[in-house]
Amino acid sequence: MRYALAAVILAAFSAPAMANMPMLTPLPSPATAEACQRWAAAQGEEAREMWGVMESGKYLPEVGALRLSLMCLGDKPPAIVGFGSSAGGDAAYCKANPRTPICRDRR
């Protein structure tokens, strides 16, 4: 039993740490520029950081707020949004974008 528990703990700590993509509150209706800016600001720092990840690997909450606002208005979010929230998503992004700094730095 001790060995099984040790194996589980070792496996948990040897896997890369991943953050969960934060849940967003419902979109405003109607989705006006002002309403979407207020909505984006209300999503919280963690959401703005996840939405603010850039190809360089840096996170800018201001970029996240802008992307959230644009998504609220109907734009499709960039593929990089949420990088770091799932190993499978990161691998798929890096397979499609192997030359971006965030992917080169993972190797």
Protein backbone atom coordinates (compact mmCIF):
# COMPACT_ATOMS: atom_id res chain seq x y z
CA MET A 1 0.00 0.00 0.00
CA ARG A 2 2.81 2.41 0.87
CA TYR A 3 4.48 1.80 -2.47
CA ALA A 4 1.27 2.46 -4.36
CA LEU A 5 0.75 5.73 -2.51
CA ALA A 6 4.37 6.74 -3.13
CA ALA A 7 3.96 5.95 -6.84
CA VAL A 8 0.83 8.11 -7.06
CA ILE A 9 2.54 11.02 -5.29
CA LEU A 10 5.64 10.69 -7.46
CA ALA A 11 3.53 10.63 -10.64
CA ALA A 12 1.58 13.69 -9.55
CA PHE A 13 4.71 15.72 -8.87
CA SER A 14 6.63 14.56 -11.93
CA ALA A 15 3.93 15.73 -14.35
CA PRO A 16 4.12 19.34 -15.49
CA ALA A 17 1.88 21.68 -13.53
CA MET A 18 -1.11 22.89 -15.47
CA ALA A 19 -3.55 25.60 -14.60
CA ASN A 20 -7.22 25.17 -15.34
CA MET A 21 -8.85 27.49 -17.81
CA PRO A 22 -11.08 29.71 -15.67
CA MET A 23 -14.81 29.64 -16.30
CA LEU A 24 -16.24 32.84 -17.73
CA THR A 25 -19.47 34.46 -16.66
CA PRO A 26 -22.32 34.66 -19.19
CA LEU A 27 -21.85 37.20 -21.97
CA PRO A 28 -23.78 40.47 -21.75
CA SER A 29 -26.86 40.96 -23.84
CA PRO A 30 -26.80 43.02 -25.93
CA ALA A 31 -23.04 42.71 -26.55
CA THR A 32 -22.03 46.33 -27.02
CA ALA A 33 -18.42 47.55 -26.88
CA GLU A 34 -18.98 49.14 -23.47
CA ALA A 35 -20.81 46.12 -22.05
CA CYS A 36 -18.10 43.76 -23.33
CA GLN A 37 -15.32 45.89 -21.82
CA ARG A 38 -17.09 45.84 -18.45
CA TRP A 39 -17.69 42.09 -18.79
CA ALA A 40 -14.01 41.43 -19.64
CA ALA A 41 -12.82 43.50 -16.66
CA ALA A 42 -15.15 41.52 -14.37
CA GLN A 43 -13.69 38.14 -15.38
CA GLY A 44 -10.93 38.32 -12.83
CA GLU A 45 -7.16 38.41 -12.96
CA GLU A 46 -6.68 34.67 -13.59
CA ALA A 47 -8.94 34.72 -16.65
CA ARG A 48 -7.32 37.86 -18.04
CA GLU A 49 -3.88 36.25 -17.61
CA MET A 50 -4.92 33.02 -19.36
CA TRP A 51 -6.45 35.02 -22.19
CA GLY A 52 -3.39 37.28 -22.22
CA VAL A 53 -0.75 34.62 -22.95
CA MET A 54 1.41 35.64 -25.89
CA GLU A 55 3.62 33.71 -28.28
CA SER A 56 6.67 34.91 -26.32
CA GLY A 57 5.42 33.06 -23.24
CA LYS A 58 4.63 36.25 -21.34
CA TYR A 59 1.19 36.97 -19.94
CA LEU A 60 -0.29 40.45 -20.15
CA PRO A 61 -3.65 40.95 -18.42
CA GLU A 62 -4.31 43.97 -20.68
CA VAL A 63 -4.04 41.74 -23.76
CA GLY A 64 -6.33 39.25 -22.06
CA ALA A 65 -8.95 41.91 -21.37
CA LEU A 66 -8.81 43.05 -24.99
CA ARG A 67 -9.14 39.48 -26.30
CA LEU A 68 -12.04 38.81 -23.95
CA SER A 69 -13.77 42.00 -25.12
CA LEU A 70 -13.29 41.07 -28.77
CA MET A 71 -14.54 37.52 -28.17
CA CYS A 72 -17.60 38.99 -26.45
CA LEU A 73 -18.22 41.02 -29.61
CA GLY A 74 -18.00 37.90 -31.79
CA ASP A 75 -14.32 37.54 -32.72
CA LYS A 76 -12.73 34.12 -32.58
CA PRO A 77 -10.05 33.94 -29.86
CA PRO A 78 -6.45 33.31 -30.97
CA ALA A 79 -5.31 29.66 -30.72
CA ILE A 80 -2.76 30.61 -28.05
CA VAL A 81 -5.50 31.52 -25.55
CA GLY A 82 -5.38 29.08 -22.66
CA PHE A 83 -1.84 27.88 -23.34
CA GLY A 84 -0.68 26.20 -20.15
CA SER A 85 -4.14 24.98 -19.16
CA SER A 86 -3.88 21.52 -20.78
CA ALA A 87 -0.97 19.37 -21.90
CA GLY A 88 -2.93 18.16 -24.93
CA GLY A 89 -3.87 21.69 -25.94
CA ASP A 90 -0.28 22.88 -25.57
CA ALA A 91 1.02 19.97 -27.66
CA ALA A 92 -1.54 20.63 -30.40
CA TYR A 93 -0.70 24.36 -30.44
CA CYS A 94 3.04 23.67 -30.60
CA LYS A 95 2.59 21.08 -33.34
CA ALA A 96 0.82 23.73 -35.43
CA ASN A 97 3.19 26.55 -34.37
CA PRO A 98 6.59 24.94 -33.67
CA ARG A 99 8.60 28.11 -34.28
CA THR A 100 6.86 30.30 -31.74
CA PRO A 101 9.11 31.10 -28.76
CA ILE A 102 6.66 29.60 -26.24
CA CYS A 103 6.95 26.25 -28.05
CA ARG A 104 10.70 26.38 -28.63
CA ASP A 105 11.19 27.03 -24.92
CA ARG A 106 9.21 23.87 -24.00
CA ARG A 107 11.77 21.56 -25.56
